[in-house]
């Protein structure tokens, strides 16, 4: 069983954002791979505390975790970090700025992450589906073979950092590593840039990527596709693709997690006498709804198991709640009006 995120960081469950960040700094400094070279256990612990901070520093992920735990996060597409490189890529320069360690490992930087906003209908969220996305992604320039240097030339070692990609700056008793200002962390400079890619070493092309949308996905959820982001410079590992889900409003149904709410219009006589009414659910099936005699306006009738698929680790689907709306007729005939008057008189009202 995965360890509790609050226990990993050593904070209370009601800890505020600054307390969580301070606790993470302490843990990350203790287990940082640059401080524990070759220590697989420390590296695994570093990854775990970073995953805990990623969740607890995000209000929405923290709310889901507090309510549903690890399974709730997995159901919403959060799979943690794949490796330590993923941690460095996700937090950017956080380690260099806060701890004095670099985020660039082994001279190979990871590529940038990509973000894609995907709009879905509520019906698509119910069923789940596969979507083919068209993404602008970088690829190695064929003219310079990805070096960024014009044909006949080659990159030169940076004269400031001597190929390290970082320079160390002393601040009192502390020495901190920061990205080299001349080569921007590449370790190399290009005197004659390639004209085809302007020295980037990469050109942008449209690429098709297929993403699987799980049944029950909700508005605001984020799906991550490992390695589908921009390729890393100098052959570094690619970044990830984050697909942000947006769900369009539905004309008949409202959603609250795995529960659905809809209106059930009733004639006045049907509400008083009781009846069975056909109702079409979100998946297109028609079910008869039992309306008890004497049903009042605003009563909630439930169709069990006809809501949205659950994503909190429980099997099955939520329920569909039907909010009764009793319609008062406005186009009565003379005979109908007389019958209602007779009914009123019989009630003594």
C-alpha atoms as a PDB file:
ATOM      1  CA  UNK A   1       0.000   0.000   0.000  1.00  0.00           C
ATOM      2  CA  UNK A   2       1.320   3.434  -0.948  1.00  0.00           C
ATOM      3  CA  UNK A   3       2.459   5.578   1.968  1.00  0.00           C
ATOM      4  CA  UNK A   4       0.277   8.508   2.997  1.00  0.00           C
ATOM      5  CA  UNK A   5       1.435  11.752   1.357  1.00  0.00           C
ATOM      6  CA  UNK A   6       1.101  13.742   4.570  1.00  0.00           C
ATOM      7  CA  UNK A   7       3.247  11.194   6.422  1.00  0.00           C
ATOM      8  CA  UNK A   8       5.852  11.302   3.633  1.00  0.00           C
ATOM      9  CA  UNK A   9       6.306  15.041   4.114  1.00  0.00           C
ATOM     10  CA  UNK A  10       5.805  14.915   7.874  1.00  0.00           C
ATOM     11  CA  UNK A  11       2.961  17.456   7.959  1.00  0.00           C
ATOM     12  CA  UNK A  12      -0.542  17.527   9.444  1.00  0.00           C
ATOM     13  CA  UNK A  13      -3.552  17.044   7.196  1.00  0.00           C
ATOM     14  CA  UNK A  14      -4.577  20.686   7.716  1.00  0.00           C
ATOM     15  CA  UNK A  15      -1.108  22.068   6.874  1.00  0.00           C
ATOM     16  CA  UNK A  16      -1.091  25.211   4.739  1.00  0.00           C
ATOM     17  CA  UNK A  17       0.787  25.659   1.455  1.00  0.00           C
ATOM     18  CA  UNK A  18       3.876  27.298   2.984  1.00  0.00           C
ATOM     19  CA  UNK A  19       4.239  24.525   5.580  1.00  0.00           C
ATOM     20  CA  UNK A  20       3.976  21.863   2.870  1.00  0.00           C
ATOM     21  CA  UNK A  21       6.572  23.619   0.704  1.00  0.00           C
ATOM     22  CA  UNK A  22       8.966  24.007   3.637  1.00  0.00           C
ATOM     23  CA  UNK A  23       8.594  20.313   4.537  1.00  0.00           C
ATOM     24  CA  UNK A  24       9.230  19.296   0.933  1.00  0.00           C
ATOM     25  CA  UNK A  25      12.397  21.401   0.766  1.00  0.00           C
ATOM     26  CA  UNK A  26      13.720  19.577   3.810  1.00  0.00           C
ATOM     27  CA  UNK A  27      12.893  16.099   2.460  1.00  0.00           C
ATOM     28  CA  UNK A  28      14.096  16.807  -1.078  1.00  0.00           C
ATOM     29  CA  UNK A  29      17.383  18.182   0.226  1.00  0.00           C
ATOM     30  CA  UNK A  30      17.876  15.034   2.310  1.00  0.00           C
ATOM     31  CA  UNK A  31      17.174  12.556  -0.509  1.00  0.00           C
ATOM     32  CA  UNK A  32      18.363  14.518  -3.566  1.00  0.00           C
ATOM     33  CA  UNK A  33      20.310  12.170  -5.919  1.00  0.00           C
ATOM     34  CA  UNK A  34      23.236  14.617  -6.099  1.00  0.00           C
ATOM     35  CA  UNK A  35      23.668  14.219  -2.348  1.00  0.00           C
ATOM     36  CA  UNK A  36      23.223  10.435  -2.480  1.00  0.00           C
ATOM     37  CA  UNK A  37      25.033   9.235  -5.613  1.00  0.00           C
ATOM     38  CA  UNK A  38      24.342   5.589  -6.411  1.00  0.00           C
ATOM     39  CA  UNK A  39      21.824   5.218  -3.566  1.00  0.00           C
ATOM     40  CA  UNK A  40      18.749   3.629  -5.180  1.00  0.00           C
ATOM     41  CA  UNK A  41      16.759   3.774  -1.941  1.00  0.00           C
ATOM     42  CA  UNK A  42      17.348   7.520  -1.545  1.00  0.00           C
ATOM     43  CA  UNK A  43      16.444   8.075  -5.198  1.00  0.00           C
ATOM     44  CA  UNK A  44      13.162   6.191  -4.746  1.00  0.00           C
ATOM     45  CA  UNK A  45      12.408   8.204  -1.617  1.00  0.00           C
ATOM     46  CA  UNK A  46      13.173  11.434  -3.474  1.00  0.00           C
ATOM     47  CA  UNK A  47      10.661  10.444  -6.131  1.00  0.00           C
ATOM     48  CA  UNK A  48       8.016   9.612  -3.483  1.00  0.00           C
ATOM     49  CA  UNK A  49       8.297  12.925  -1.601  1.00  0.00           C
ATOM     50  CA  UNK A  50       8.232  14.810  -4.906  1.00  0.00           C
ATOM     51  CA  UNK A  51       5.042  12.994  -5.864  1.00  0.00           C
ATOM     52  CA  UNK A  52       3.555  13.891  -2.477  1.00  0.00           C
ATOM     53  CA  UNK A  53       4.435  17.552  -2.973  1.00  0.00           C
ATOM     54  CA  UNK A  54       3.009  17.543  -6.511  1.00  0.00           C
ATOM     55  CA  UNK A  55      -0.366  16.432  -5.107  1.00  0.00           C
ATOM     56  CA  UNK A  56      -0.524  18.419  -1.856  1.00  0.00           C
ATOM     57  CA  UNK A  57       0.621  21.668  -3.488  1.00  0.00           C
ATOM     58  CA  UNK A  58      -2.228  21.480  -6.013  1.00  0.00           C
ATOM     59  CA  UNK A  59      -5.611  22.419  -4.499  1.00  0.00           C
ATOM     60  CA  UNK A  60      -7.688  20.212  -6.811  1.00  0.00           C
ATOM     61  CA  UNK A  61      -5.439  17.124  -6.518  1.00  0.00           C
ATOM     62  CA  UNK A  62      -5.259  17.587  -2.752  1.00  0.00           C
ATOM     63  CA  UNK A  63      -9.076  17.735  -2.509  1.00  0.00           C
ATOM     64  CA  UNK A  64      -9.393  14.483  -4.521  1.00  0.00           C
ATOM     65  CA  UNK A  65      -6.674  12.791  -2.449  1.00  0.00           C
ATOM     66  CA  UNK A  66      -8.250  13.850   0.863  1.00  0.00           C
ATOM     67  CA  UNK A  67     -11.577  12.375  -0.235  1.00  0.00           C
ATOM     68  CA  UNK A  68     -10.624   9.269  -2.227  1.00  0.00           C
ATOM     69  CA  UNK A  69      -6.934   8.602  -1.535  1.00  0.00           C
ATOM     70  CA  UNK A  70      -4.437   7.198  -4.037  1.00  0.00           C
ATOM     71  CA  UNK A  71      -7.100   5.308  -6.022  1.00  0.00           C
ATOM     72  CA  UNK A  72      -9.039   8.507  -6.620  1.00  0.00           C
ATOM     73  CA  UNK A  73      -5.978  10.153  -8.155  1.00  0.00           C
ATOM     74  CA  UNK A  74      -5.262   7.161 -10.369  1.00  0.00           C
ATOM     75  CA  UNK A  75      -8.843   7.209 -11.620  1.00  0.00           C
ATOM     76  CA  UNK A  76      -8.371  10.825 -12.652  1.00  0.00           C
ATOM     77  CA  UNK A  77      -5.260  10.184 -14.720  1.00  0.00           C
ATOM     78  CA  UNK A  78      -2.541  11.036 -12.166  1.00  0.00           C
ATOM     79  CA  UNK A  79       0.114   8.357 -12.265  1.00  0.00           C
ATOM     80  CA  UNK A  80       2.898  10.045 -10.341  1.00  0.00           C
ATOM     81  CA  UNK A  81       6.410  10.428 -11.731  1.00  0.00           C
ATOM     82  CA  UNK A  82       7.873   7.781 -14.028  1.00  0.00           C
ATOM     83  CA  UNK A  83      11.478   8.407 -12.942  1.00  0.00           C
ATOM     84  CA  UNK A  84      13.764  10.958 -11.299  1.00  0.00           C
ATOM     85  CA  UNK A  85      14.278  12.728 -14.615  1.00  0.00           C
ATOM     86  CA  UNK A  86      10.519  13.252 -14.672  1.00  0.00           C
ATOM     87  CA  UNK A  87      10.738  15.002 -11.293  1.00  0.00           C
ATOM     88  CA  UNK A  88      13.456  17.376 -12.507  1.00  0.00           C
ATOM     89  CA  UNK A  89      11.528  18.112 -15.697  1.00  0.00           C
ATOM     90  CA  UNK A  90       8.276  18.775 -13.874  1.00  0.00           C
ATOM     91  CA  UNK A  91       9.686  21.156 -11.274  1.00  0.00           C
ATOM     92  CA  UNK A  92      12.061  22.924 -13.659  1.00  0.00           C
ATOM     93  CA  UNK A  93      14.682  25.030 -11.884  1.00  0.00           C
ATOM     94  CA  UNK A  94      13.161  24.519  -8.439  1.00  0.00           C
ATOM     95  CA  UNK A  95      16.071  22.390  -7.256  1.00  0.00           C
ATOM     96  CA  UNK A  96      18.745  24.741  -8.533  1.00  0.00           C
ATOM     97  CA  UNK A  97      17.033  27.752  -7.003  1.00  0.00           C
ATOM     98  CA  UNK A  98      16.146  26.246  -3.635  1.00  0.00           C
ATOM     99  CA  UNK A  99      18.714  23.580  -2.940  1.00  0.00           C
ATOM    100  CA  UNK A 100      21.826  24.493  -4.918  1.00  0.00           C
ATOM    101  CA  UNK A 101      21.543  21.413  -7.117  1.00  0.00           C
ATOM    102  CA  UNK A 102      20.946  21.386 -10.832  1.00  0.00           C
ATOM    103  CA  UNK A 103      17.925  19.956 -12.540  1.00  0.00           C
ATOM    104  CA  UNK A 104      19.994  18.902 -15.573  1.00  0.00           C
ATOM    105  CA  UNK A 105      21.123  15.282 -15.223  1.00  0.00           C
ATOM    106  CA  UNK A 106      23.979  13.744 -17.128  1.00  0.00           C
ATOM    107  CA  UNK A 107      24.202  16.682 -19.562  1.00  0.00           C
ATOM    108  CA  UNK A 108      20.911  15.732 -21.251  1.00  0.00           C
ATOM    109  CA  UNK A 109      17.942  18.001 -20.696  1.00  0.00           C
ATOM    110  CA  UNK A 110      14.429  16.746 -21.033  1.00  0.00           C
ATOM    111  CA  UNK A 111      12.111  18.213 -23.649  1.00  0.00           C
ATOM    112  CA  UNK A 112       9.294  20.606 -22.816  1.00  0.00           C
ATOM    113  CA  UNK A 113       5.848  19.346 -21.861  1.00  0.00           C
ATOM    114  CA  UNK A 114       2.910  19.990 -24.200  1.00  0.00           C
ATOM    115  CA  UNK A 115      -0.638  20.973 -23.185  1.00  0.00           C
ATOM    116  CA  UNK A 116      -3.755  20.182 -25.203  1.00  0.00           C
ATOM    117  CA  UNK A 117      -7.268  21.438 -24.359  1.00  0.00           C
ATOM    118  CA  UNK A 118      -9.813  18.754 -25.325  1.00  0.00           C
ATOM    119  CA  UNK A 119     -13.571  19.434 -25.378  1.00  0.00           C
ATOM    120  CA  UNK A 120     -15.956  16.504 -24.834  1.00  0.00           C
ATOM    121  CA  UNK A 121     -19.700  15.997 -24.606  1.00  0.00           C
ATOM    122  CA  UNK A 122     -21.221  14.414 -21.508  1.00  0.00           C
ATOM    123  CA  UNK A 123     -22.145  11.367 -23.606  1.00  0.00           C
ATOM    124  CA  UNK A 124     -18.483  10.918 -24.600  1.00  0.00           C
ATOM    125  CA  UNK A 125     -17.493  11.101 -20.934  1.00  0.00           C
ATOM    126  CA  UNK A 126     -20.029   8.388 -20.152  1.00  0.00           C
ATOM    127  CA  UNK A 127     -18.743   5.933 -22.748  1.00  0.00           C
ATOM    128  CA  UNK A 128     -15.053   6.735 -22.935  1.00  0.00           C
ATOM    129  CA  UNK A 129     -13.375   6.826 -26.326  1.00  0.00           C
ATOM    130  CA  UNK A 130     -10.182   7.295 -28.300  1.00  0.00           C
ATOM    131  CA  UNK A 131      -9.363  10.664 -29.828  1.00  0.00           C
ATOM    132  CA  UNK A 132      -6.802  11.445 -32.491  1.00  0.00           C
ATOM    133  CA  UNK A 133      -5.080  14.744 -31.720  1.00  0.00           C
ATOM    134  CA  UNK A 134      -3.029  16.834 -34.124  1.00  0.00           C
ATOM    135  CA  UNK A 135      -0.050  18.313 -32.295  1.00  0.00           C
ATOM    136  CA  UNK A 136       2.737  20.629 -33.410  1.00  0.00           C
ATOM    137  CA  UNK A 137       5.894  18.795 -32.301  1.00  0.00           C
ATOM    138  CA  UNK A 138       9.564  19.417 -32.926  1.00  0.00           C
ATOM    139  CA  UNK A 139      11.711  16.974 -34.876  1.00  0.00           C
ATOM    140  CA  UNK A 140      15.428  16.890 -35.603  1.00  0.00           C
ATOM    141  CA  UNK A 141      16.375  19.200 -38.465  1.00  0.00           C
ATOM    142  CA  UNK A 142      17.450  17.171 -41.489  1.00  0.00           C
ATOM    143  CA  UNK A 143      19.730  19.938 -42.806  1.00  0.00           C
ATOM    144  CA  UNK A 144      22.031  20.033 -39.759  1.00  0.00           C
ATOM    145  CA  UNK A 145      21.212  16.566 -38.358  1.00  0.00           C
ATOM    146  CA  UNK A 146      19.893  18.231 -35.212  1.00  0.00           C
ATOM    147  CA  UNK A 147      23.131  20.004 -34.277  1.00  0.00           C
ATOM    148  CA  UNK A 148      21.818  23.527 -34.964  1.00  0.00           C
ATOM    149  CA  UNK A 149      25.050  24.427 -36.745  1.00  0.00           C
ATOM    150  CA  UNK A 150      25.242  25.296 -40.424  1.00  0.00           C
ATOM    151  CA  UNK A 151      26.533  22.523 -42.737  1.00  0.00           C
ATOM    152  CA  UNK A 152      30.323  22.453 -42.645  1.00  0.00           C
ATOM    153  CA  UNK A 153      30.485  23.792 -39.077  1.00  0.00           C
ATOM    154  CA  UNK A 154      29.779  22.382 -35.649  1.00  0.00           C
ATOM    155  CA  UNK A 155      28.838  23.629 -32.157  1.00  0.00           C
ATOM    156  CA  UNK A 156      31.673  24.880 -29.967  1.00  0.00           C
ATOM    157  CA  UNK A 157      32.186  24.247 -26.261  1.00  0.00           C
ATOM    158  CA  UNK A 158      30.874  27.163 -24.212  1.00  0.00           C
ATOM    159  CA  UNK A 159      33.739  29.380 -23.040  1.00  0.00           C
ATOM    160  CA  UNK A 160      31.925  30.351 -19.809  1.00  0.00           C
ATOM    161  CA  UNK A 161      30.828  27.004 -18.334  1.00  0.00           C
ATOM    162  CA  UNK A 162      33.323  24.882 -20.341  1.00  0.00           C
ATOM    163  CA  UNK A 163      30.568  22.487 -21.415  1.00  0.00           C
ATOM    164  CA  UNK A 164      28.995  21.957 -17.996  1.00  0.00           C
ATOM    165  CA  UNK A 165      25.850  23.915 -18.795  1.00  0.00           C
ATOM    166  CA  UNK A 166      25.945  25.434 -15.306  1.00  0.00           C
ATOM    167  CA  UNK A 167      28.017  27.922 -13.373  1.00  0.00           C
ATOM    168  CA  UNK A 168      28.369  28.070  -9.598  1.00  0.00           C
ATOM    169  CA  UNK A 169      27.684  31.292  -7.772  1.00  0.00           C
ATOM    170  CA  UNK A 170      28.820  31.932  -4.211  1.00  0.00           C
ATOM    171  CA  UNK A 171      26.331  33.511  -1.823  1.00  0.00           C
ATOM    172  CA  UNK A 172      28.051  33.867   1.508  1.00  0.00           C
ATOM    173  CA  UNK A 173      28.773  30.383   2.803  1.00  0.00           C
ATOM    174  CA  UNK A 174      26.510  28.761   0.200  1.00  0.00           C
ATOM    175  CA  UNK A 175      27.485  27.876  -3.351  1.00  0.00           C
ATOM    176  CA  UNK A 176      24.582  27.500  -5.738  1.00  0.00           C
ATOM    177  CA  UNK A 177      24.447  26.085  -9.246  1.00  0.00           C
ATOM    178  CA  UNK A 178      22.611  28.101 -11.876  1.00  0.00           C
ATOM    179  CA  UNK A 179      22.080  27.793 -15.629  1.00  0.00           C
ATOM    180  CA  UNK A 180      24.934  29.211 -17.695  1.00  0.00           C
ATOM    181  CA  UNK A 181      23.813  32.611 -19.052  1.00  0.00           C
ATOM    182  CA  UNK A 182      25.832  32.277 -22.270  1.00  0.00           C
ATOM    183  CA  UNK A 183      24.749  28.873 -23.564  1.00  0.00           C
ATOM    184  CA  UNK A 184      21.444  28.618 -21.609  1.00  0.00           C
ATOM    185  CA  UNK A 185      22.464  25.248 -20.185  1.00  0.00           C
ATOM    186  CA  UNK A 186      23.393  23.567 -23.470  1.00  0.00           C
ATOM    187  CA  UNK A 187      27.118  23.509 -22.774  1.00  0.00           C
ATOM    188  CA  UNK A 188      27.748  24.567 -26.369  1.00  0.00           C
ATOM    189  CA  UNK A 189      27.430  27.681 -28.474  1.00  0.00           C
ATOM    190  CA  UNK A 190      26.792  27.938 -32.214  1.00  0.00           C
ATOM    191  CA  UNK A 191      28.828  30.460 -34.194  1.00  0.00           C
ATOM    192  CA  UNK A 192      27.113  29.717 -37.534  1.00  0.00           C
ATOM    193  CA  UNK A 193      23.449  28.748 -37.026  1.00  0.00           C
ATOM    194  CA  UNK A 194      21.704  26.472 -39.502  1.00  0.00           C
ATOM    195  CA  UNK A 195      19.455  28.531 -41.781  1.00  0.00           C
ATOM    196  CA  UNK A 196      16.769  25.827 -41.944  1.00  0.00           C
ATOM    197  CA  UNK A 197      16.114  25.721 -38.188  1.00  0.00           C
ATOM    198  CA  UNK A 198      17.698  29.036 -37.069  1.00  0.00           C
ATOM    199  CA  UNK A 199      20.145  27.161 -34.882  1.00  0.00           C
ATOM    200  CA  UNK A 200      17.497  25.300 -32.897  1.00  0.00           C
ATOM    201  CA  UNK A 201      18.426  21.901 -34.299  1.00  0.00           C
ATOM    202  CA  UNK A 202      14.712  21.155 -34.603  1.00  0.00           C
ATOM    203  CA  UNK A 203      11.860  21.973 -36.979  1.00  0.00           C
ATOM    204  CA  UNK A 204       8.154  21.916 -36.141  1.00  0.00           C
ATOM    205  CA  UNK A 205       5.756  19.479 -37.808  1.00  0.00           C
ATOM    206  CA  UNK A 206       2.159  18.396 -37.200  1.00  0.00           C
ATOM    207  CA  UNK A 207       1.970  14.922 -35.667  1.00  0.00           C
ATOM    208  CA  UNK A 208      -1.100  12.784 -34.929  1.00  0.00           C
ATOM    209  CA  UNK A 209      -1.320  11.275 -31.448  1.00  0.00           C
ATOM    210  CA  UNK A 210      -4.074   8.931 -30.240  1.00  0.00           C
ATOM    211  CA  UNK A 211      -5.229   9.389 -26.642  1.00  0.00           C
ATOM    212  CA  UNK A 212      -7.546   7.016 -24.783  1.00  0.00           C
ATOM    213  CA  UNK A 213     -10.180   8.854 -22.736  1.00  0.00           C
ATOM    214  CA  UNK A 214     -11.396   6.652 -19.847  1.00  0.00           C
ATOM    215  CA  UNK A 215     -15.128   6.326 -19.181  1.00  0.00           C
ATOM    216  CA  UNK A 216     -16.255   8.714 -16.455  1.00  0.00           C
ATOM    217  CA  UNK A 217     -13.632  11.406 -17.090  1.00  0.00           C
ATOM    218  CA  UNK A 218     -14.745  14.751 -15.651  1.00  0.00           C
ATOM    219  CA  UNK A 219     -14.295  18.453 -16.379  1.00  0.00           C
ATOM    220  CA  UNK A 220     -10.878  19.786 -15.405  1.00  0.00           C
ATOM    221  CA  UNK A 221      -9.154  16.396 -15.273  1.00  0.00           C
ATOM    222  CA  UNK A 222      -5.674  16.089 -16.694  1.00  0.00           C
ATOM    223  CA  UNK A 223      -4.441  13.039 -18.602  1.00  0.00           C
ATOM    224  CA  UNK A 224      -0.708  12.540 -19.078  1.00  0.00           C
ATOM    225  CA  UNK A 225       0.890  10.737 -22.018  1.00  0.00           C
ATOM    226  CA  UNK A 226       4.480   9.935 -21.158  1.00  0.00           C
ATOM    227  CA  UNK A 227       7.035  10.868 -23.805  1.00  0.00           C
ATOM    228  CA  UNK A 228       4.558  12.588 -26.146  1.00  0.00           C
ATOM    229  CA  UNK A 229       5.849  16.111 -25.498  1.00  0.00           C
ATOM    230  CA  UNK A 230       8.716  17.922 -27.183  1.00  0.00           C
ATOM    231  CA  UNK A 231      11.925  15.948 -27.761  1.00  0.00           C
ATOM    232  CA  UNK A 232      14.851  16.873 -25.552  1.00  0.00           C
ATOM    233  CA  UNK A 233      17.772  18.845 -26.982  1.00  0.00           C
ATOM    234  CA  UNK A 234      20.973  16.970 -27.794  1.00  0.00           C
ATOM    235  CA  UNK A 235      19.097  13.666 -27.750  1.00  0.00           C
ATOM    236  CA  UNK A 236      17.600  14.204 -24.293  1.00  0.00           C
ATOM    237  CA  UNK A 237      14.390  12.381 -23.286  1.00  0.00           C
ATOM    238  CA  UNK A 238      11.081  13.843 -24.525  1.00  0.00           C
ATOM    239  CA  UNK A 239       8.638  15.693 -22.320  1.00  0.00           C
ATOM    240  CA  UNK A 240       5.065  14.605 -21.690  1.00  0.00           C
ATOM    241  CA  UNK A 241       1.730  15.563 -23.193  1.00  0.00           C
ATOM    242  CA  UNK A 242      -0.954  16.816 -20.794  1.00  0.00           C
ATOM    243  CA  UNK A 243      -4.521  16.619 -22.086  1.00  0.00           C
ATOM    244  CA  UNK A 244      -6.863  18.939 -20.170  1.00  0.00           C
ATOM    245  CA  UNK A 245     -10.519  17.853 -20.284  1.00  0.00           C
ATOM    246  CA  UNK A 246     -13.338  20.351 -20.828  1.00  0.00           C
ATOM    247  CA  UNK A 247     -16.913  19.045 -20.723  1.00  0.00           C
ATOM    248  CA  UNK A 248     -19.678  20.981 -22.489  1.00  0.00           C
ATOM    249  CA  UNK A 249     -22.930  21.739 -20.655  1.00  0.00           C
ATOM    250  CA  UNK A 250     -25.754  19.295 -21.378  1.00  0.00           C
ATOM    251  CA  UNK A 251     -29.302  20.533 -22.106  1.00  0.00           C
ATOM    252  CA  UNK A 252     -30.946  17.846 -19.926  1.00  0.00           C
ATOM    253  CA  UNK A 253     -28.440  16.556 -17.390  1.00  0.00           C
ATOM    254  CA  UNK A 254     -26.279  18.100 -14.687  1.00  0.00           C
ATOM    255  CA  UNK A 255     -23.358  16.247 -13.160  1.00  0.00           C
ATOM    256  CA  UNK A 256     -21.963  16.007  -9.639  1.00  0.00           C
ATOM    257  CA  UNK A 257     -19.098  13.522  -9.654  1.00  0.00           C
ATOM    258  CA  UNK A 258     -20.618  10.160 -10.522  1.00  0.00           C
ATOM    259  CA  UNK A 259     -24.194  11.378  -9.877  1.00  0.00           C
ATOM    260  CA  UNK A 260     -26.513  12.828 -12.533  1.00  0.00           C
ATOM    261  CA  UNK A 261     -29.494  15.132 -12.032  1.00  0.00           C
ATOM    262  CA  UNK A 262     -32.344  15.778 -14.471  1.00  0.00           C
ATOM    263  CA  UNK A 263     -35.854  17.177 -14.405  1.00  0.00           C
ATOM    264  CA  UNK A 264     -38.925  14.926 -14.647  1.00  0.00           C
ATOM    265  CA  UNK A 265     -41.980  16.927 -15.822  1.00  0.00           C
ATOM    266  CA  UNK A 266     -45.288  15.657 -14.386  1.00  0.00           C
ATOM    267  CA  UNK A 267     -48.901  16.507 -15.103  1.00  0.00           C
ATOM    268  CA  UNK A 268     -50.807  17.619 -12.034  1.00  0.00           C
ATOM    269  CA  UNK A 269     -53.137  14.607 -12.172  1.00  0.00           C
ATOM    270  CA  UNK A 270     -50.219  12.158 -12.586  1.00  0.00           C
ATOM    271  CA  UNK A 271     -48.491  13.582  -9.504  1.00  0.00           C
ATOM    272  CA  UNK A 272     -51.700  13.209  -7.475  1.00  0.00           C
ATOM    273  CA  UNK A 273     -52.771   9.781  -8.724  1.00  0.00           C
ATOM    274  CA  UNK A 274     -49.401   8.196  -9.436  1.00  0.00           C
ATOM    275  CA  UNK A 275     -48.220   6.792 -12.748  1.00  0.00           C
ATOM    276  CA  UNK A 276     -45.339   5.227 -14.690  1.00  0.00           C
ATOM    277  CA  UNK A 277     -43.481   7.555 -17.055  1.00  0.00           C
ATOM    278  CA  UNK A 278     -40.870   6.589 -19.695  1.00  0.00           C
ATOM    279  CA  UNK A 279     -37.600   8.512 -19.342  1.00  0.00           C
ATOM    280  CA  UNK A 280     -34.613   8.462 -21.708  1.00  0.00           C
ATOM    281  CA  UNK A 281     -31.309   8.220 -19.797  1.00  0.00           C
ATOM    282  CA  UNK A 282     -27.965   9.668 -20.893  1.00  0.00           C
ATOM    283  CA  UNK A 283     -26.935   6.434 -22.629  1.00  0.00           C
ATOM    284  CA  UNK A 284     -30.052   6.604 -24.861  1.00  0.00           C
ATOM    285  CA  UNK A 285     -32.013   3.836 -23.138  1.00  0.00           C
ATOM    286  CA  UNK A 286     -35.636   4.340 -22.081  1.00  0.00           C
ATOM    287  CA  UNK A 287     -36.639   3.297 -18.550  1.00  0.00           C
ATOM    288  CA  UNK A 288     -40.023   3.501 -16.836  1.00  0.00           C
ATOM    289  CA  UNK A 289     -40.022   5.652 -13.724  1.00  0.00           C
ATOM    290  CA  UNK A 290     -42.453   4.766 -10.940  1.00  0.00           C
ATOM    291  CA  UNK A 291     -44.169   7.948  -9.706  1.00  0.00           C
ATOM    292  CA  UNK A 292     -45.951   7.305  -6.381  1.00  0.00           C
ATOM    293  CA  UNK A 293     -49.412   8.794  -5.790  1.00  0.00           C
ATOM    294  CA  UNK A 294     -49.204  12.149  -4.030  1.00  0.00           C
ATOM    295  CA  UNK A 295     -45.725  13.005  -5.347  1.00  0.00           C
ATOM    296  CA  UNK A 296     -44.908  16.611  -4.449  1.00  0.00           C
ATOM    297  CA  UNK A 297     -43.074  19.161  -6.629  1.00  0.00           C
ATOM    298  CA  UNK A 298     -39.332  18.956  -6.057  1.00  0.00           C
ATOM    299  CA  UNK A 299     -39.360  15.284  -5.024  1.00  0.00           C
ATOM    300  CA  UNK A 300     -36.230  13.355  -6.050  1.00  0.00           C
ATOM    301  CA  UNK A 301     -36.796   9.970  -7.666  1.00  0.00           C
ATOM    302  CA  UNK A 302     -33.767   7.758  -8.181  1.00  0.00           C
ATOM    303  CA  UNK A 303     -32.734   5.460 -11.018  1.00  0.00           C
ATOM    304  CA  UNK A 304     -29.969   3.395  -9.459  1.00  0.00           C
ATOM    305  CA  UNK A 305     -26.856   2.782 -11.562  1.00  0.00           C
ATOM    306  CA  UNK A 306     -27.760   5.193 -14.372  1.00  0.00           C
ATOM    307  CA  UNK A 307     -25.292   7.937 -13.453  1.00  0.00           C
ATOM    308  CA  UNK A 308     -21.650   8.296 -14.519  1.00  0.00           C
ATOM    309  CA  UNK A 309     -18.900   5.656 -14.118  1.00  0.00           C
ATOM    310  CA  UNK A 310     -17.170   5.992 -10.745  1.00  0.00           C
ATOM    311  CA  UNK A 311     -13.516   7.038 -10.649  1.00  0.00           C
ATOM    312  CA  UNK A 312     -12.906   6.702  -6.902  1.00  0.00           C
ATOM    313  CA  UNK A 313     -12.025   3.022  -6.955  1.00  0.00           C
ATOM    314  CA  UNK A 314     -15.583   1.742  -6.446  1.00  0.00           C
ATOM    315  CA  UNK A 315     -17.063  -0.396  -9.244  1.00  0.00           C
ATOM    316  CA  UNK A 316     -20.079   0.499 -11.329  1.00  0.00           C
ATOM    317  CA  UNK A 317     -21.869   3.783 -11.915  1.00  0.00           C
ATOM    318  CA  UNK A 318     -23.503   6.412  -9.774  1.00  0.00           C
ATOM    319  CA  UNK A 319     -27.238   7.110  -9.748  1.00  0.00           C
ATOM    320  CA  UNK A 320     -29.564   9.305 -11.777  1.00  0.00           C
ATOM    321  CA  UNK A 321     -31.720  11.601  -9.632  1.00  0.00           C
ATOM    322  CA  UNK A 322     -34.923  12.921 -11.205  1.00  0.00           C
ATOM    323  CA  UNK A 323     -36.255  16.220  -9.847  1.00  0.00           C
ATOM    324  CA  UNK A 324     -40.034  16.282 -10.273  1.00  0.00           C
ATOM    325  CA  UNK A 325     -41.548  19.411 -11.811  1.00  0.00           C
ATOM    326  CA  UNK A 326     -45.341  19.483 -11.620  1.00  0.00           C
ATOM    327  CA  UNK A 327     -46.926  21.368 -14.496  1.00  0.00           C
ATOM    328  CA  UNK A 328     -50.087  23.365 -13.807  1.00  0.00           C
ATOM    329  CA  UNK A 329     -52.309  23.502 -16.924  1.00  0.00           C
ATOM    330  CA  UNK A 330     -53.014  26.935 -18.370  1.00  0.00           C
ATOM    331  CA  UNK A 331     -55.304  25.937 -21.252  1.00  0.00           C
ATOM    332  CA  UNK A 332     -58.242  24.287 -19.449  1.00  0.00           C
ATOM    333  CA  UNK A 333     -61.499  23.717 -21.310  1.00  0.00           C
ATOM    334  CA  UNK A 334     -64.779  24.708 -19.698  1.00  0.00           C
ATOM    335  CA  UNK A 335     -65.558  21.122 -18.745  1.00  0.00           C
ATOM    336  CA  UNK A 336     -62.091  20.604 -17.214  1.00  0.00           C
ATOM    337  CA  UNK A 337     -62.420  23.833 -15.251  1.00  0.00           C
ATOM    338  CA  UNK A 338     -65.798  22.709 -13.950  1.00  0.00           C
ATOM    339  CA  UNK A 339     -64.330  19.369 -12.846  1.00  0.00           C
ATOM    340  CA  UNK A 340     -61.524  21.108 -10.968  1.00  0.00           C
ATOM    341  CA  UNK A 341     -64.015  23.455  -9.316  1.00  0.00           C
ATOM    342  CA  UNK A 342     -66.068  20.438  -8.254  1.00  0.00           C
ATOM    343  CA  UNK A 343     -62.914  18.766  -6.893  1.00  0.00           C
ATOM    344  CA  UNK A 344     -61.983  21.885  -4.930  1.00  0.00           C
ATOM    345  CA  UNK A 345     -65.434  22.102  -3.437  1.00  0.00           C
ATOM    346  CA  UNK A 346     -65.285  18.446  -2.409  1.00  0.00           C
ATOM    347  CA  UNK A 347     -62.013  19.111  -0.551  1.00  0.00           C
ATOM    348  CA  UNK A 348     -63.579  21.978   1.357  1.00  0.00           C
ATOM    349  CA  UNK A 349     -60.782  24.339   0.399  1.00  0.00           C
END
